C-alpha atoms as a PDB file:
ATOM      1  CA  TYR A   1       4.139  -4.841  -4.957  1.00  0.00           C
ATOM      2  CA  MET A   2       6.912  -7.130  -5.919  1.00  0.00           C
ATOM      3  CA  LYS A   3       5.517  -8.842  -8.394  1.00  0.00           C
ATOM      4  CA  GLU A   4       3.657  -5.598  -9.836  1.00  0.00           C
ATOM      5  CA  LEU A   5       7.454  -4.339 -10.343  1.00  0.00           C
ATOM      6  CA  ILE A   6       8.698  -7.445 -12.323  1.00  0.00           C
ATOM      7  CA  ILE A   7       5.362  -7.253 -14.657  1.00  0.00           C
ATOM      8  CA  LEU A   8       6.207  -3.824 -15.515  1.00  0.00           C
ATOM      9  CA  THR A   9      10.201  -4.153 -15.669  1.00  0.00           C
ATOM     10  CA  LYS A  10       9.317  -7.474 -18.427  1.00  0.00           C
ATOM     11  CA  LYS A  11       7.109  -5.010 -20.050  1.00  0.00           C
ATOM     12  CA  LEU A  12       9.114  -2.744 -20.462  1.00  0.00           C
ATOM     13  CA  VAL A  13      12.210  -4.928 -21.871  1.00  0.00           C
ATOM     14  CA  GLN A  14       9.768  -6.249 -24.601  1.00  0.00           C
ATOM     15  CA  GLU A  15       8.360  -2.975 -25.459  1.00  0.00           C
ATOM     16  CA  LEU A  16      11.936  -1.769 -25.644  1.00  0.00           C
ATOM     17  CA  SER A  17      14.090  -4.601 -26.765  1.00  0.00           C
ATOM     18  CA  LEU A  18      15.917  -3.621 -30.234  1.00  0.00           C
ATOM     19  CA  ASP A  19      13.360  -5.564 -32.298  1.00  0.00           C
ATOM     20  CA  ASN A  20      10.362  -3.992 -31.108  1.00  0.00           C
ATOM     21  CA  ILE A  21      12.132  -0.566 -31.402  1.00  0.00           C
ATOM     22  CA  GLU A  22      12.856  -1.370 -34.841  1.00  0.00           C
ATOM     23  CA  LYS A  23       9.693  -2.211 -35.784  1.00  0.00           C
ATOM     24  CA  LEU A  24       8.635   1.129 -34.513  1.00  0.00           C
ATOM     25  CA  LEU A  25      11.069   2.540 -36.646  1.00  0.00           C
ATOM     26  CA  LEU A  26      10.010   1.011 -39.511  1.00  0.00           C
ATOM     27  CA  LEU A  27       6.523   2.838 -39.169  1.00  0.00           C
ATOM     28  CA  LYS A  28       8.509   6.098 -38.550  1.00  0.00           C
ATOM     29  CA  ASN A  29      10.579   5.916 -41.611  1.00  0.00           C
ATOM     30  CA  GLU A  30       7.682   5.114 -43.520  1.00  0.00           C
ATOM     31  CA  SER A  31       5.779   8.051 -41.893  1.00  0.00           C
ATOM     32  CA  ASN A  32       8.615  10.642 -42.790  1.00  0.00           C
ATOM     33  CA  VAL A  33       9.043   9.232 -46.342  1.00  0.00           C
ATOM     34  CA  LYS A  34       5.310   9.746 -47.271  1.00  0.00           C
ATOM     35  CA  ALA A  35       4.839  13.208 -45.497  1.00  0.00           C
ATOM     36  CA  THR A  36       7.902  14.432 -47.819  1.00  0.00           C
ATOM     37  CA  THR A  37       6.030  12.973 -50.864  1.00  0.00           C
ATOM     38  CA  ALA A  38       3.049  15.128 -49.770  1.00  0.00           C
ATOM     39  CA  LYS A  39       4.831  18.130 -49.288  1.00  0.00           C
ATOM     40  CA  ILE A  40       6.721  17.548 -52.540  1.00  0.00           C
ATOM     41  CA  ILE A  41       3.147  17.424 -54.071  1.00  0.00           C
ATOM     42  CA  ALA A  42       1.988  20.212 -52.128  1.00  0.00           C
ATOM     43  CA  GLU A  43       4.776  22.841 -53.312  1.00  0.00           C
ATOM     44  CA  LYS A  44       4.439  22.104 -56.988  1.00  0.00           C
ATOM     45  CA  VAL A  45       0.380  22.881 -56.393  1.00  0.00           C
ATOM     46  CA  PHE A  46       0.700  25.917 -54.043  1.00  0.00           C
ATOM     47  CA  SER A  47       4.150  27.388 -56.000  1.00  0.00           C
ATOM     48  CA  ASN A  48       2.174  30.350 -57.806  1.00  0.00           C
ATOM     49  CA  SER A  49      -0.056  31.140 -54.665  1.00  0.00           C
ATOM     50  CA  ALA A  50      -0.006  34.573 -53.860  1.00  0.00           C
ATOM     51  CA  LEU A  51      -0.454  34.311 -50.021  1.00  0.00           C
ATOM     52  CA  ASP A  52       2.143  32.230 -47.771  1.00  0.00           C
ATOM     53  CA  GLY A  53       0.978  29.444 -45.699  1.00  0.00           C
ATOM     54  CA  VAL A  54      -1.455  28.033 -48.318  1.00  0.00           C
ATOM     55  CA  GLY A  55      -1.652  24.020 -48.066  1.00  0.00           C
ATOM     56  CA  ASN A  56      -0.986  24.179 -44.182  1.00  0.00           C
ATOM     57  CA  ASN A  57      -2.877  23.411 -41.706  1.00  0.00           C
ATOM     58  CA  ILE A  58      -4.602  26.320 -40.704  1.00  0.00           C
ATOM     59  CA  TRP A  59      -5.310  26.395 -44.273  1.00  0.00           C
ATOM     60  CA  LYS A  60      -6.913  23.239 -44.560  1.00  0.00           C
ATOM     61  CA  ASN A  61      -8.983  24.088 -41.778  1.00  0.00           C
ATOM     62  CA  LEU A  62     -10.252  27.038 -43.675  1.00  0.00           C
ATOM     63  CA  TRP A  63     -10.853  24.773 -46.571  1.00  0.00           C
ATOM     64  CA  GLU A  64     -12.771  22.027 -45.023  1.00  0.00           C
ATOM     65  CA  HIS A  65     -14.916  25.040 -42.829  1.00  0.00           C
ATOM     66  CA  ALA A  66     -15.942  26.879 -46.283  1.00  0.00           C
ATOM     67  CA  ARG A  67     -16.573  23.338 -47.983  1.00  0.00           C
ATOM     68  CA  LYS A  68     -19.139  22.605 -44.702  1.00  0.00           C
ATOM     69  CA  TYR A  69     -20.729  26.126 -45.659  1.00  0.00           C
ATOM     70  CA  SER A  70     -21.185  25.042 -48.936  1.00  0.00           C
ATOM     71  CA  GLU A  71     -22.089  21.604 -48.968  1.00  0.00           C
ATOM     72  CA  GLU A  72     -24.475  22.483 -45.991  1.00  0.00           C
ATOM     73  CA  VAL A  73     -25.771  26.110 -46.733  1.00  0.00           C
ATOM     74  CA  ALA A  74     -24.602  27.805 -49.711  1.00  0.00           C
ATOM     75  CA  TYR A  75     -25.326  25.456 -52.578  1.00  0.00           C
ATOM     76  CA  LYS A  76     -26.702  22.019 -50.829  1.00  0.00           C
ATOM     77  CA  GLY A  77     -26.259  19.172 -52.957  1.00  0.00           C
ATOM     78  CA  ILE A  78     -23.693  20.181 -54.951  1.00  0.00           C
ATOM     79  CA  LYS A  79     -19.751  18.897 -54.237  1.00  0.00           C
ATOM     80  CA  TYR A  80     -17.168  21.649 -53.035  1.00  0.00           C
ATOM     81  CA  PRO A  81     -15.876  23.567 -54.440  1.00  0.00           C
ATOM     82  CA  ASN A  82     -18.748  24.371 -56.645  1.00  0.00           C
ATOM     83  CA  LEU A  83     -17.563  26.042 -59.974  1.00  0.00           C
ATOM     84  CA  ASP A  84     -20.444  26.233 -62.260  1.00  0.00           C
ATOM     85  CA  THR A  85     -20.601  29.378 -64.351  1.00  0.00           C
ATOM     86  CA  ASP A  86     -22.919  31.438 -62.017  1.00  0.00           C
ATOM     87  CA  ALA A  87     -21.479  30.073 -58.699  1.00  0.00           C
ATOM     88  CA  LEU A  88     -19.631  32.631 -55.938  1.00  0.00           C
ATOM     89  CA  CYS A  89     -16.508  32.016 -53.877  1.00  0.00           C
ATOM     90  CA  VAL A  90     -18.275  31.243 -50.411  1.00  0.00           C
ATOM     91  CA  LEU A  91     -15.342  33.152 -48.651  1.00  0.00           C
ATOM     92  CA  CYS A  92     -15.817  36.662 -50.468  1.00  0.00           C
ATOM     93  CA  HIS A  93     -19.215  36.114 -52.187  1.00  0.00           C
ATOM     94  CA  GLN A  94     -17.594  37.097 -55.531  1.00  0.00           C
ATOM     95  CA  PRO A  95     -17.408  35.638 -59.095  1.00  0.00           C
ATOM     96  CA  ILE A  96     -14.770  32.682 -59.608  1.00  0.00           C
ATOM     97  CA  SER A  97     -12.618  33.872 -62.468  1.00  0.00           C
ATOM     98  CA  ASN A  98     -11.341  30.995 -64.439  1.00  0.00           C
ATOM     99  CA  ASP A  99      -7.590  31.202 -62.755  1.00  0.00           C
ATOM    100  CA  ALA A 100      -9.441  31.167 -59.418  1.00  0.00           C
ATOM    101  CA  LYS A 101     -11.660  27.890 -60.692  1.00  0.00           C
ATOM    102  CA  ASN A 102      -8.005  26.072 -61.874  1.00  0.00           C
ATOM    103  CA  ARG A 103      -6.762  26.786 -58.704  1.00  0.00           C
ATOM    104  CA  MET A 104      -9.718  25.787 -56.206  1.00  0.00           C
ATOM    105  CA  LYS A 105      -9.547  22.435 -58.552  1.00  0.00           C
ATOM    106  CA  SER A 106      -5.906  22.103 -57.679  1.00  0.00           C
ATOM    107  CA  PHE A 107      -6.711  22.597 -54.194  1.00  0.00           C
ATOM    108  CA  GLU A 108      -9.247  19.935 -53.881  1.00  0.00           C
ATOM    109  CA  GLU A 109      -7.269  17.557 -56.075  1.00  0.00           C
ATOM    110  CA  PHE A 110      -4.198  17.986 -53.141  1.00  0.00           C
ATOM    111  CA  VAL A 111      -6.789  18.027 -50.017  1.00  0.00           C
ATOM    112  CA  LYS A 112      -8.329  14.875 -51.657  1.00  0.00           C
ATOM    113  CA  GLY A 113      -4.942  13.355 -53.390  1.00  0.00           C
ATOM    114  CA  SER A 114      -4.180   9.806 -52.341  1.00  0.00           C
ATOM    115  CA  ALA A 115      -0.951  10.861 -50.806  1.00  0.00           C
ATOM    116  CA  GLN A 116      -2.066  13.734 -48.043  1.00  0.00           C
ATOM    117  CA  ASN A 117      -4.418  10.664 -47.013  1.00  0.00           C
ATOM    118  CA  GLU A 118      -1.252   8.249 -47.232  1.00  0.00           C
ATOM    119  CA  ALA A 119       0.990  10.746 -45.246  1.00  0.00           C
ATOM    120  CA  GLN A 120      -1.636  11.274 -42.637  1.00  0.00           C
ATOM    121  CA  LEU A 121      -2.608   7.567 -42.428  1.00  0.00           C
ATOM    122  CA  ALA A 122       0.866   6.584 -41.879  1.00  0.00           C
ATOM    123  CA  GLU A 123       1.438   9.242 -39.187  1.00  0.00           C
ATOM    124  CA  ASP A 124      -1.413   8.311 -37.305  1.00  0.00           C
ATOM    125  CA  ASN A 125      -0.346   4.634 -37.625  1.00  0.00           C
ATOM    126  CA  TRP A 126       3.241   5.559 -35.965  1.00  0.00           C
ATOM    127  CA  ARG A 127       1.927   8.145 -33.256  1.00  0.00           C
ATOM    128  CA  LYS A 128      -1.026   5.066 -32.402  1.00  0.00           C
ATOM    129  CA  GLU A 129       2.409   2.468 -31.637  1.00  0.00           C
ATOM    130  CA  LEU A 130       4.032   5.122 -29.937  1.00  0.00           C
ATOM    131  CA  SER A 131       1.452   5.630 -27.502  1.00  0.00           C
ATOM    132  CA  LYS A 132       0.922   2.285 -26.676  1.00  0.00           C
ATOM    133  CA  LEU A 133       4.617   2.194 -24.813  1.00  0.00           C
ATOM    134  CA  SER A 134       4.455   2.019 -21.299  1.00  0.00           C
ATOM    135  CA  GLU A 135       4.888   5.186 -19.029  1.00  0.00           C
ATOM    136  CA  ILE A 136       8.340   4.675 -17.535  1.00  0.00           C
ATOM    137  CA  PRO A 137       8.705   5.669 -13.627  1.00  0.00           C
ATOM    138  CA  THR A 138      11.261   8.696 -12.493  1.00  0.00           C
ATOM    139  CA  ILE A 139      13.857   6.973 -10.483  1.00  0.00           C
ATOM    140  CA  GLU A 140      12.119   8.524  -7.203  1.00  0.00           C
ATOM    141  CA  ASN A 141       8.441   6.635  -7.755  1.00  0.00           C
ATOM    142  CA  LEU A 142      10.735   3.495  -8.409  1.00  0.00           C
ATOM    143  CA  LYS A 143      12.232   3.927  -5.376  1.00  0.00           C
ATOM    144  CA  VAL A 144       8.928   4.371  -3.714  1.00  0.00           C
ATOM    145  CA  LYS A 145       7.800   1.333  -5.369  1.00  0.00           C
ATOM    146  CA  SER A 146      10.888  -0.735  -4.960  1.00  0.00           C
ATOM    147  CA  ASP A 147      10.581   0.534  -0.900  1.00  0.00           C
ATOM    148  CA  ALA A 148       6.835  -0.775  -1.087  1.00  0.00           C
ATOM    149  CA  ALA A 149       8.574  -4.394  -2.716  1.00  0.00           C
ATOM    150  CA  GLY A 150      10.646  -4.476   0.099  1.00  0.00           C
ATOM    151  CA  LEU A 151      13.695  -4.077  -1.933  1.00  0.00           C
ATOM    152  CA  THR A 152      15.646  -2.752   0.482  1.00  0.00           C
ATOM    153  CA  SER A 153      19.511  -3.427  -0.767  1.00  0.00           C
ATOM    154  CA  GLY A 154      21.307  -0.350  -2.627  1.00  0.00           C
ATOM    155  CA  ASP A 155      22.562  -2.815  -4.913  1.00  0.00           C
ATOM    156  CA  GLU A 156      19.392  -3.934  -6.113  1.00  0.00           C
ATOM    157  CA  LEU A 157      17.842  -0.465  -6.613  1.00  0.00           C
ATOM    158  CA  PHE A 158      21.320   0.953  -8.216  1.00  0.00           C
ATOM    159  CA  SER A 159      20.836  -2.043 -10.908  1.00  0.00           C
ATOM    160  CA  LEU A 160      17.119  -1.626 -11.246  1.00  0.00           C
ATOM    161  CA  SER A 161      17.531   2.307 -11.893  1.00  0.00           C
ATOM    162  CA  ASN A 162      20.223   1.875 -14.161  1.00  0.00           C
ATOM    163  CA  GLU A 163      17.940  -0.090 -16.631  1.00  0.00           C
ATOM    164  CA  TYR A 164      14.982   2.313 -16.100  1.00  0.00           C
ATOM    165  CA  GLU A 165      17.331   5.218 -16.973  1.00  0.00           C
ATOM    166  CA  LEU A 166      18.204   2.983 -20.537  1.00  0.00           C
ATOM    167  CA  PHE A 167      14.645   2.747 -20.715  1.00  0.00           C
ATOM    168  CA  ARG A 168      13.524   5.974 -20.816  1.00  0.00           C
ATOM    169  CA  LEU A 169      16.378   6.828 -23.111  1.00  0.00           C
ATOM    170  CA  GLN A 170      15.481   4.486 -25.657  1.00  0.00           C
ATOM    171  CA  LYS A 171      12.050   5.736 -25.706  1.00  0.00           C
ATOM    172  CA  ALA A 172      13.298   9.618 -25.567  1.00  0.00           C
ATOM    173  CA  LEU A 173      15.342   8.665 -28.764  1.00  0.00           C
ATOM    174  CA  LEU A 174      12.581   7.093 -30.570  1.00  0.00           C
ATOM    175  CA  LEU A 175      11.532  10.933 -31.698  1.00  0.00           C
ATOM    176  CA  THR A 176      14.611  11.796 -33.031  1.00  0.00           C
ATOM    177  CA  ALA A 177      16.408   8.465 -34.151  1.00  0.00           C
ATOM    178  CA  ASN A 178      16.149   7.226 -37.883  1.00  0.00           C
ATOM    179  CA  HIS A 179      17.813   3.669 -37.638  1.00  0.00           C
ATOM    180  CA  ILE A 180      18.137   0.865 -35.263  1.00  0.00           C
ATOM    181  CA  ASP A 181      22.207   1.867 -35.211  1.00  0.00           C
ATOM    182  CA  GLU A 182      21.591   4.570 -32.920  1.00  0.00           C
ATOM    183  CA  PHE A 183      20.289   2.552 -29.902  1.00  0.00           C
ATOM    184  CA  ASN A 184      21.818   0.971 -27.264  1.00  0.00           C
ATOM    185  CA  ILE A 185      21.254  -3.030 -26.008  1.00  0.00           C
ATOM    186  CA  ILE A 186      19.179  -3.229 -23.244  1.00  0.00           C
ATOM    187  CA  THR A 187      19.865  -6.128 -20.985  1.00  0.00           C
ATOM    188  CA  ASP A 188      16.779  -8.647 -20.248  1.00  0.00           C
ATOM    189  CA  CYS A 189      16.842  -7.532 -16.567  1.00  0.00           C
ATOM    190  CA  ARG A 190      17.395 -11.810 -16.071  1.00  0.00           C
ATOM    191  CA  ALA A 191      19.603 -11.246 -13.267  1.00  0.00           C
ATOM    192  CA  TRP A 192      17.251  -8.770 -11.182  1.00  0.00           C
ATOM    193  CA  ILE A 193      14.336 -10.742 -12.352  1.00  0.00           C
ATOM    194  CA  ASP A 194      15.521 -14.055 -10.690  1.00  0.00           C
ATOM    195  CA  LEU A 195      16.771 -12.131  -7.676  1.00  0.00           C
ATOM    196  CA  VAL A 196      13.273 -10.602  -6.774  1.00  0.00           C
ATOM    197  CA  GLU A 197      11.310 -13.593  -8.117  1.00  0.00           C
ATOM    198  CA  LYS A 198      13.213 -15.667  -5.486  1.00  0.00           C
ATOM    199  CA  GLN A 199      12.513 -13.444  -2.756  1.00  0.00           C
ATOM    200  CA  ILE A 200       9.309 -13.742  -3.287  1.00  0.00           C
ATOM    201  CA  VAL A 201       9.456 -17.569  -3.297  1.00  0.00           C
ATOM    202  CA  ASP A 202      11.237 -17.101  -0.023  1.00  0.00           C
ATOM    203  CA  SER A 203       9.053 -14.574   1.411  1.00  0.00           C
ATOM    204  CA  GLU A 204       5.710 -16.900   0.603  1.00  0.00           C
ATOM    205  CA  ILE A 205       7.540 -19.673   2.487  1.00  0.00           C
ATOM    206  CA  LEU A 206       8.265 -17.782   5.216  1.00  0.00           C
ATOM    207  CA  ALA A 207       4.560 -16.270   5.994  1.00  0.00           C
ATOM    208  CA  LYS A 208       3.194 -19.936   5.352  1.00  0.00           C
ATOM    209  CA  LYS A 209       5.724 -21.057   7.882  1.00  0.00           C
ATOM    210  CA  TYR A 210       4.710 -18.292  10.619  1.00  0.00           C
ATOM    211  CA  GLU A 211       0.849 -19.654   9.812  1.00  0.00           C
ATOM    212  CA  GLU A 212       1.722 -23.234  10.693  1.00  0.00           C
ATOM    213  CA  ASP A 213       3.695 -21.874  13.321  1.00  0.00           C
ATOM    214  CA  SER A 214       0.756 -19.688  14.818  1.00  0.00           C
ATOM    215  CA  LYS A 215      -1.616 -22.414  14.209  1.00  0.00           C
ATOM    216  CA  ASN A 216       0.576 -24.906  16.209  1.00  0.00           C
ATOM    217  CA  ASP A 217       0.736 -22.463  18.856  1.00  0.00           C
ATOM    218  CA  ASN A 218      -3.026 -22.034  19.474  1.00  0.00           C
ATOM    219  CA  THR A 219      -3.534 -26.016  19.553  1.00  0.00           C
ATOM    220  CA  SER A 220      -0.967 -26.451  22.074  1.00  0.00           C
END
């Protein structure tokens, strides 16, 4: 249990170091910039829409379902939206006016546009890297792990609890912060790790001594 706790602590020190946080923030800021760009383009495309919500996720879902119905059922073999002269709207089944054709063309250009795709890819990349961060045990779980590892000193647990609370704050701050200056410096927990590693060595030496003493008792 001691070794498991050391491995987890070292891993969190690396994952939530200022260097790694800065890399994560670069991905986050790239995602924000590309999302803003896509939003500006969307506002231009949908500025004259008669209804609210055009361009949002619910609308995009509707658009993609209309595409599926059009390309797989109504107009097989024809790319959506079908703007041929005799084509009907796949949602209302009415002839498509010239103004409607222009709107549908603009909508499709937005959905398939590089800005929208780049924004989605950037967000996916940022979320993927964020999800790789290790789960941080609560103080209660940390105490259970410490007890199982045989760390009985209150000072040891207090020191480690403080570091883990800082880990937790750093990880939560990643969701709201935009600059590295908003983060605190995390110590490398070297003193705690050295202490626990010494305890592991001491316990292994003691266990070996007990084993040797037991063998000697059995042979005497």
